[in-house]
Amino acid sequence: MTQDRPIRQDRNGPALHGWLIIDKPLGPGSTDMVSAAKRALREGGYAKVKVGHGGTLDPLATGVLPIALGEATKLSGRMLDADKAYAFTVRFGAQTDTLDLEGAVIATSDVRPTRAMLEAVLPRFTGPIAQVPPAYSALKVDGQRAYDLARAGEAVVLASRNVTIHALTIESADEEQATLVATVSKGTYIRSLARDIALALGTVGHVTMLRRTKAGPFTLAPAISLDSLAEHAKARTLEQILLPLRAGLDDIPALVLAPDQAGALRQGRQVIGIAATPGLYFATEGSVPVALVESDGVGVKVVRGFNL
């Protein structure tokens, strides 16, 4: 994207802590989206903070990409572990080496499954399953990325992994292709799922469309385009589209602390005398996030502290 005015040089604006939810377009990768967020902060003259993303999306995939700013980057690991939802289209009759549109065709089949055949086979791919990740993936083999080895012409053999497909339904289908909707656990490769479904139908296939519709608690509803991100940066209004730190922890109850309790936690000390059901809590002092804490029923200790 071209800029119609120079990037603002001063960085005396506020430090932003929270989530930008990007609707990633086709083409750029997740690291490109992180770069776009950093550029937006510079453009708006905001204070420099750490920036990270909450789950890789392939360049040919679109949809929900949470971008963590500042103290929210401390929660990126939780986002990577979260369930995700996708819509994806499988075209039958050809398999590519990348399992998507980017690769070269390595196998073909004249078999075209009916919708009834597809409906019959999907239960086999619902629940806990084992899958072999694509050779063209970011997993490491002997210290090197699998996709680098595959692109160099080396045979890549990746170990099977256990994942969980929580839900898998048909959005539309004909004999040439099918669009499915899946909610999956961390570590699931949709391209592998599409490959295996096609093989179970007695044919081959590859992914022609992949769109993430949910990542952890984040959906497409608050997601913005790259153009919108750039416009807010130029207008110095990124705060208007920033979701709070708490948004990444919507499944965790809040715990309001007294000032002395908050002070103790900020020093890394365990606080005794807070009666709460054992588990994780989002601890705050008023409206200010203090820490992600764990209760043992008697007291709480810091799991992840926030410097706010």
Protein backbone atom coordinates (compact mmCIF):
# COMPACT_ATOMS: atom_id res chain seq x y z
CA MET A 1 0.00 0.00 0.00
CA THR A 2 1.28 3.41 -0.90
CA GLN A 3 1.24 6.23 1.58
CA ASP A 4 0.04 9.69 0.66
CA ARG A 5 2.04 11.39 3.39
CA PRO A 6 5.27 10.69 5.28
CA ILE A 7 5.26 8.42 8.29
CA ARG A 8 5.06 10.44 11.49
CA GLN A 9 8.48 10.38 13.09
CA ASP A 10 7.69 11.10 16.74
CA ARG A 11 6.70 8.12 18.90
CA ASN A 12 5.32 10.06 21.84
CA GLY A 13 1.79 8.78 21.51
CA PRO A 14 0.24 6.26 23.91
CA ALA A 15 1.44 2.65 24.11
CA LEU A 16 -1.33 0.37 22.88
CA HIS A 17 -2.02 -2.91 24.67
CA GLY A 18 -4.67 -5.21 23.24
CA TRP A 19 -5.77 -6.94 20.05
CA LEU A 20 -6.17 -5.88 16.46
CA ILE A 21 -8.23 -8.46 14.57
CA ILE A 22 -7.22 -8.50 10.91
CA ASP A 23 -9.19 -10.11 8.10
CA LYS A 24 -6.08 -11.37 6.33
CA PRO A 25 -6.31 -11.18 2.54
CA LEU A 26 -4.90 -13.62 0.00
CA GLY A 27 -1.17 -13.26 -0.61
CA PRO A 28 0.65 -11.99 2.46
CA GLY A 29 1.63 -14.26 5.33
CA SER A 30 1.11 -13.83 9.05
CA THR A 31 4.49 -12.15 9.54
CA ASP A 32 3.50 -9.62 6.86
CA MET A 33 0.45 -8.77 8.98
CA VAL A 34 2.68 -8.21 12.01
CA SER A 35 4.77 -5.85 9.88
CA ALA A 36 1.61 -4.03 8.80
CA ALA A 37 0.61 -3.54 12.44
CA LYS A 38 4.07 -2.19 13.32
CA ARG A 39 3.84 0.18 10.36
CA ALA A 40 0.42 1.36 11.57
CA LEU A 41 1.85 2.14 15.00
CA ARG A 42 4.67 4.15 13.42
CA GLU A 43 2.26 5.94 11.12
CA GLY A 44 0.10 6.97 14.06
CA GLY A 45 3.04 8.06 16.18
CA TYR A 46 2.24 5.54 18.90
CA ALA A 47 4.86 4.35 21.37
CA LYS A 48 6.82 1.32 20.24
CA VAL A 49 5.53 -1.96 21.71
CA LYS A 50 5.95 -5.63 20.99
CA VAL A 51 3.73 -7.03 18.23
CA GLY A 52 2.88 -10.68 17.58
CA HIS A 53 0.18 -12.84 16.02
CA GLY A 54 -2.13 -15.47 17.45
CA GLY A 55 -1.87 -18.28 14.91
CA THR A 56 -0.23 -18.66 11.50
CA LEU A 57 -2.30 -18.41 8.32
CA ASP A 58 -0.85 -19.58 5.00
CA PRO A 59 -0.48 -16.93 2.27
CA LEU A 60 -3.34 -18.60 0.34
CA ALA A 61 -5.62 -18.52 3.41
CA THR A 62 -7.79 -15.60 4.48
CA GLY A 63 -9.71 -14.62 7.58
CA VAL A 64 -9.31 -14.05 11.30
CA LEU A 65 -5.77 -13.23 12.39
CA PRO A 66 -5.44 -11.81 15.92
CA ILE A 67 -2.56 -9.35 16.21
CA ALA A 68 -1.34 -8.83 19.78
CA LEU A 69 0.04 -5.44 20.82
CA GLY A 70 2.12 -4.71 23.90
CA GLU A 71 1.16 -6.74 26.96
CA ALA A 72 -1.28 -8.81 24.87
CA THR A 73 1.74 -10.56 23.34
CA LYS A 74 2.07 -12.37 26.67
CA LEU A 75 -1.19 -14.13 25.80
CA SER A 76 -0.23 -15.13 22.25
CA GLY A 77 0.70 -18.62 23.41
CA ARG A 78 -2.83 -19.17 24.70
CA MET A 79 -4.17 -18.06 21.33
CA LEU A 80 -1.95 -20.56 19.52
CA ASP A 81 -3.38 -23.31 21.74
CA ALA A 82 -6.99 -22.27 21.15
CA ASP A 83 -9.54 -24.02 18.94
CA LYS A 84 -10.10 -22.52 15.50
CA ALA A 85 -12.83 -22.67 12.87
CA TYR A 86 -12.46 -22.74 9.10
CA ALA A 87 -14.47 -22.86 5.91
CA PHE A 88 -12.60 -24.63 3.11
CA THR A 89 -13.23 -25.93 -0.38
CA VAL A 90 -11.84 -29.24 -1.62
CA ARG A 91 -11.61 -29.76 -5.38
CA PHE A 92 -11.70 -33.43 -6.29
CA GLY A 93 -9.71 -35.14 -9.02
CA ALA A 94 -6.22 -33.72 -8.51
CA GLN A 95 -3.73 -33.68 -5.64
CA THR A 96 -0.88 -31.18 -5.55
CA ASP A 97 2.42 -31.43 -3.72
CA THR A 98 1.43 -28.51 -1.47
CA LEU A 99 -2.17 -29.79 -1.08
CA ASP A 100 -3.45 -26.41 -2.30
CA LEU A 101 -3.55 -24.25 -5.43
CA GLU A 102 0.08 -23.24 -5.14
CA GLY A 103 1.61 -26.62 -5.93
CA ALA A 104 2.16 -28.90 -8.89
CA VAL A 105 -0.26 -31.76 -9.59
CA ILE A 106 1.21 -35.07 -8.43
CA ALA A 107 -1.84 -37.37 -8.66
CA THR A 108 -5.15 -37.44 -10.51
CA SER A 109 -8.36 -39.47 -10.36
CA ASP A 110 -11.52 -39.72 -12.44
CA VAL A 111 -13.60 -40.53 -9.35
CA ARG A 112 -16.03 -37.80 -8.32
CA PRO A 113 -17.87 -38.39 -5.03
CA THR A 114 -21.55 -37.66 -4.55
CA ARG A 115 -22.85 -35.61 -1.65
CA ALA A 116 -24.24 -38.78 -0.11
CA MET A 117 -20.77 -40.37 -0.22
CA LEU A 118 -19.31 -37.29 1.44
CA GLU A 119 -21.97 -37.29 4.16
CA ALA A 120 -21.22 -40.95 4.86
CA VAL A 121 -17.48 -40.47 5.25
CA LEU A 122 -17.35 -37.28 7.36
CA PRO A 123 -18.10 -39.01 10.69
CA ARG A 124 -14.78 -40.83 10.29
CA PHE A 125 -13.07 -37.44 10.48
CA THR A 126 -14.97 -36.10 13.48
CA GLY A 127 -13.55 -36.42 16.97
CA PRO A 128 -9.96 -37.46 17.79
CA ILE A 129 -8.06 -38.39 14.63
CA ALA A 130 -4.47 -38.90 13.54
CA GLN A 131 -3.14 -36.91 10.60
CA VAL A 132 0.18 -36.47 8.82
CA PRO A 133 1.02 -32.77 8.34
CA PRO A 134 1.74 -31.50 4.81
CA ALA A 135 5.34 -31.70 3.60
CA TYR A 136 4.96 -28.00 2.78
CA SER A 137 4.54 -26.83 6.38
CA ALA A 138 6.54 -24.82 8.90
CA LEU A 139 7.32 -27.85 11.05
CA LYS A 140 11.01 -28.49 11.57
CA VAL A 141 12.89 -31.60 10.43
CA ASP A 142 16.43 -31.86 11.80
CA GLY A 143 16.40 -28.13 12.49
CA GLN A 144 15.13 -27.09 9.06
CA ARG A 145 11.65 -26.03 7.96
CA ALA A 146 9.82 -28.82 6.16
CA TYR A 147 8.78 -26.48 3.33
CA ASP A 148 12.41 -25.49 2.71
CA LEU A 149 13.40 -29.14 2.37
CA ALA A 150 10.39 -29.89 0.15
CA ARG A 151 11.12 -26.94 -2.12
CA ALA A 152 14.72 -28.18 -2.43
CA GLY A 153 13.39 -31.46 -3.78
CA GLU A 154 14.11 -33.54 -0.69
CA ALA A 155 11.70 -36.21 0.48
CA VAL A 156 10.00 -35.01 3.65
CA VAL A 157 8.51 -37.55 6.03
CA LEU A 158 6.59 -36.07 8.95
CA ALA A 159 5.26 -38.02 11.90
CA SER A 160 1.55 -38.50 12.38
CA ARG A 161 0.00 -36.34 15.09
CA ASN A 162 -3.20 -36.58 17.10
CA VAL A 163 -5.69 -33.74 16.70
CA THR A 164 -9.38 -33.27 17.38
CA ILE A 165 -12.05 -32.26 14.87
CA HIS A 166 -14.82 -30.90 17.08
CA ALA A 167 -17.31 -30.37 14.25
CA LEU A 168 -17.32 -30.98 10.49
CA THR A 169 -20.26 -30.13 8.26
CA ILE A 170 -21.05 -29.62 4.57
CA GLU A 171 -21.82 -26.09 3.43
CA SER A 172 -22.20 -26.99 -0.24
CA ALA A 173 -21.18 -29.85 -2.51
CA ASP A 174 -21.29 -31.11 -6.07
CA GLU A 175 -19.29 -33.77 -7.90
CA GLU A 176 -16.40 -31.42 -8.61
CA GLN A 177 -15.89 -29.84 -5.21
CA ALA A 178 -17.22 -29.45 -1.69
CA THR A 179 -17.10 -26.60 0.80
CA LEU A 180 -16.89 -27.76 4.41
CA VAL A 181 -16.91 -26.01 7.77
CA ALA A 182 -14.72 -27.35 10.56
CA THR A 183 -13.96 -26.47 14.18
CA VAL A 184 -10.62 -27.99 15.13
CA SER A 185 -8.03 -28.24 17.88
CA LYS A 186 -4.58 -26.69 17.76
CA GLY A 187 -2.14 -28.36 15.41
CA THR A 188 -4.76 -29.37 12.85
CA TYR A 189 -3.82 -28.94 9.19
CA ILE A 190 -6.86 -28.32 7.03
CA ARG A 191 -4.91 -29.23 3.90
CA SER A 192 -4.16 -32.66 5.39
CA LEU A 193 -7.79 -33.05 6.43
CA ALA A 194 -8.91 -32.30 2.86
CA ARG A 195 -6.36 -34.75 1.44
CA ASP A 196 -7.49 -37.53 3.76
CA ILE A 197 -11.20 -36.95 3.13
CA ALA A 198 -10.61 -37.18 -0.62
CA LEU A 199 -8.60 -40.40 -0.23
CA ALA A 200 -11.36 -41.90 1.93
CA LEU A 201 -13.77 -41.15 -0.92
CA GLY A 202 -11.60 -43.12 -3.34
CA THR A 203 -10.25 -40.07 -5.10
CA VAL A 204 -7.72 -37.28 -4.57
CA GLY A 205 -8.17 -33.59 -3.90
CA HIS A 206 -6.63 -30.30 -2.88
CA VAL A 207 -7.76 -27.13 -1.11
CA THR A 208 -8.81 -24.25 -3.36
CA MET A 209 -10.23 -21.96 -0.66
CA LEU A 210 -9.37 -21.68 3.03
CA ARG A 211 -10.89 -19.06 5.31
CA ARG A 212 -10.50 -18.92 9.07
CA THR A 213 -13.73 -17.76 10.66
CA LYS A 214 -12.70 -17.99 14.31
CA ALA A 215 -9.49 -18.11 16.36
CA GLY A 216 -10.08 -18.68 20.06
CA PRO A 217 -12.65 -16.07 21.14
CA PHE A 218 -12.15 -13.90 18.05
CA THR A 219 -14.51 -14.03 15.06
CA LEU A 220 -14.83 -12.14 11.78
CA ALA A 221 -17.26 -9.66 13.39
CA PRO A 222 -14.57 -7.22 14.67
CA ALA A 223 -12.05 -8.03 11.93
CA ILE A 224 -10.80 -5.17 9.77
CA SER A 225 -9.14 -5.03 6.38
CA LEU A 226 -5.58 -3.88 5.76
CA ASP A 227 -6.98 -0.77 4.09
CA SER A 228 -9.02 0.02 7.21
CA LEU A 229 -5.95 -0.52 9.38
CA ALA A 230 -3.99 1.94 7.26
CA GLU A 231 -6.82 4.50 7.37
CA HIS A 232 -7.02 4.34 11.17
CA ALA A 233 -3.25 4.70 11.39
CA LYS A 234 -3.28 7.85 9.27
CA ALA A 235 -6.17 9.25 11.28
CA ARG A 236 -4.40 8.36 14.57
CA THR A 237 -7.50 6.40 15.66
CA LEU A 238 -6.15 2.90 16.22
CA GLU A 239 -7.65 2.99 19.72
CA GLN A 240 -11.10 2.81 18.11
CA ILE A 241 -10.45 -0.63 16.63
CA LEU A 242 -8.28 -2.02 19.43
CA LEU A 243 -9.90 -4.76 21.52
CA PRO A 244 -8.86 -4.81 25.19
CA LEU A 245 -6.43 -7.29 26.72
CA ARG A 246 -9.42 -8.99 28.35
CA ALA A 247 -10.88 -9.90 24.96
CA GLY A 248 -8.35 -12.69 24.57
CA LEU A 249 -9.46 -14.24 27.88
CA ASP A 250 -13.23 -14.25 27.54
CA ASP A 251 -13.41 -17.80 28.91
CA ILE A 252 -11.65 -16.83 32.14
CA PRO A 253 -13.56 -15.18 35.02
CA ALA A 254 -12.45 -11.82 36.39
CA LEU A 255 -11.08 -11.35 39.89
CA VAL A 256 -11.15 -7.82 41.32
CA LEU A 257 -8.31 -7.08 43.74
CA ALA A 258 -7.75 -4.56 46.48
CA PRO A 259 -4.79 -2.19 45.92
CA ASP A 260 -2.55 -4.03 48.42
CA GLN A 261 -3.35 -7.40 46.82
CA ALA A 262 -2.61 -6.02 43.36
CA GLY A 263 0.67 -4.58 44.62
CA ALA A 264 1.73 -7.94 46.04
CA LEU A 265 0.98 -9.72 42.78
CA ARG A 266 2.89 -7.12 40.79
CA GLN A 267 5.89 -7.99 42.97
CA GLY A 268 5.43 -11.65 42.10
CA ARG A 269 4.25 -12.64 45.58
CA GLN A 270 1.49 -15.13 46.26
CA VAL A 271 -1.59 -13.61 47.90
CA ILE A 272 -3.24 -15.71 50.58
CA GLY A 273 -6.79 -15.21 51.78
CA ILE A 274 -8.53 -14.84 48.42
CA ALA A 275 -11.26 -17.46 48.46
CA ALA A 276 -11.92 -18.49 44.88
CA THR A 277 -12.67 -21.77 43.15
CA PRO A 278 -9.41 -23.35 41.94
CA GLY A 279 -8.55 -22.33 38.39
CA LEU A 280 -7.40 -19.41 36.27
CA TYR A 281 -8.60 -15.82 36.75
CA PHE A 282 -8.06 -12.46 35.08
CA ALA A 283 -7.05 -10.27 38.02
CA THR A 284 -7.66 -6.52 37.88
CA GLU A 285 -7.33 -3.51 40.13
CA GLY A 286 -10.41 -1.57 39.15
CA SER A 287 -10.30 -1.54 35.36
CA VAL A 288 -6.51 -2.04 35.15
CA PRO A 289 -5.34 -5.57 34.28
CA VAL A 290 -2.85 -6.90 36.83
CA ALA A 291 -2.16 -10.52 35.94
CA LEU A 292 -3.44 -13.85 34.79
CA VAL A 293 -3.48 -15.75 38.08
CA GLU A 294 -4.15 -19.25 39.33
CA SER A 295 -6.13 -19.98 42.48
CA ASP A 296 -5.69 -23.07 44.64
CA GLY A 297 -8.81 -22.22 46.64
CA VAL A 298 -6.87 -20.46 49.40
CA GLY A 299 -4.73 -17.92 47.57
CA VAL A 300 -3.62 -16.89 44.11
CA LYS A 301 -0.27 -16.76 42.33
CA VAL A 302 0.81 -15.06 39.11
CA VAL A 303 0.80 -17.07 35.91
CA ARG A 304 1.42 -14.05 33.65
CA GLY A 305 1.88 -10.53 34.95
CA PHE A 306 0.96 -7.39 33.01
CA ASN A 307 3.06 -4.22 33.23
CA LEU A 308 0.25 -1.69 33.06
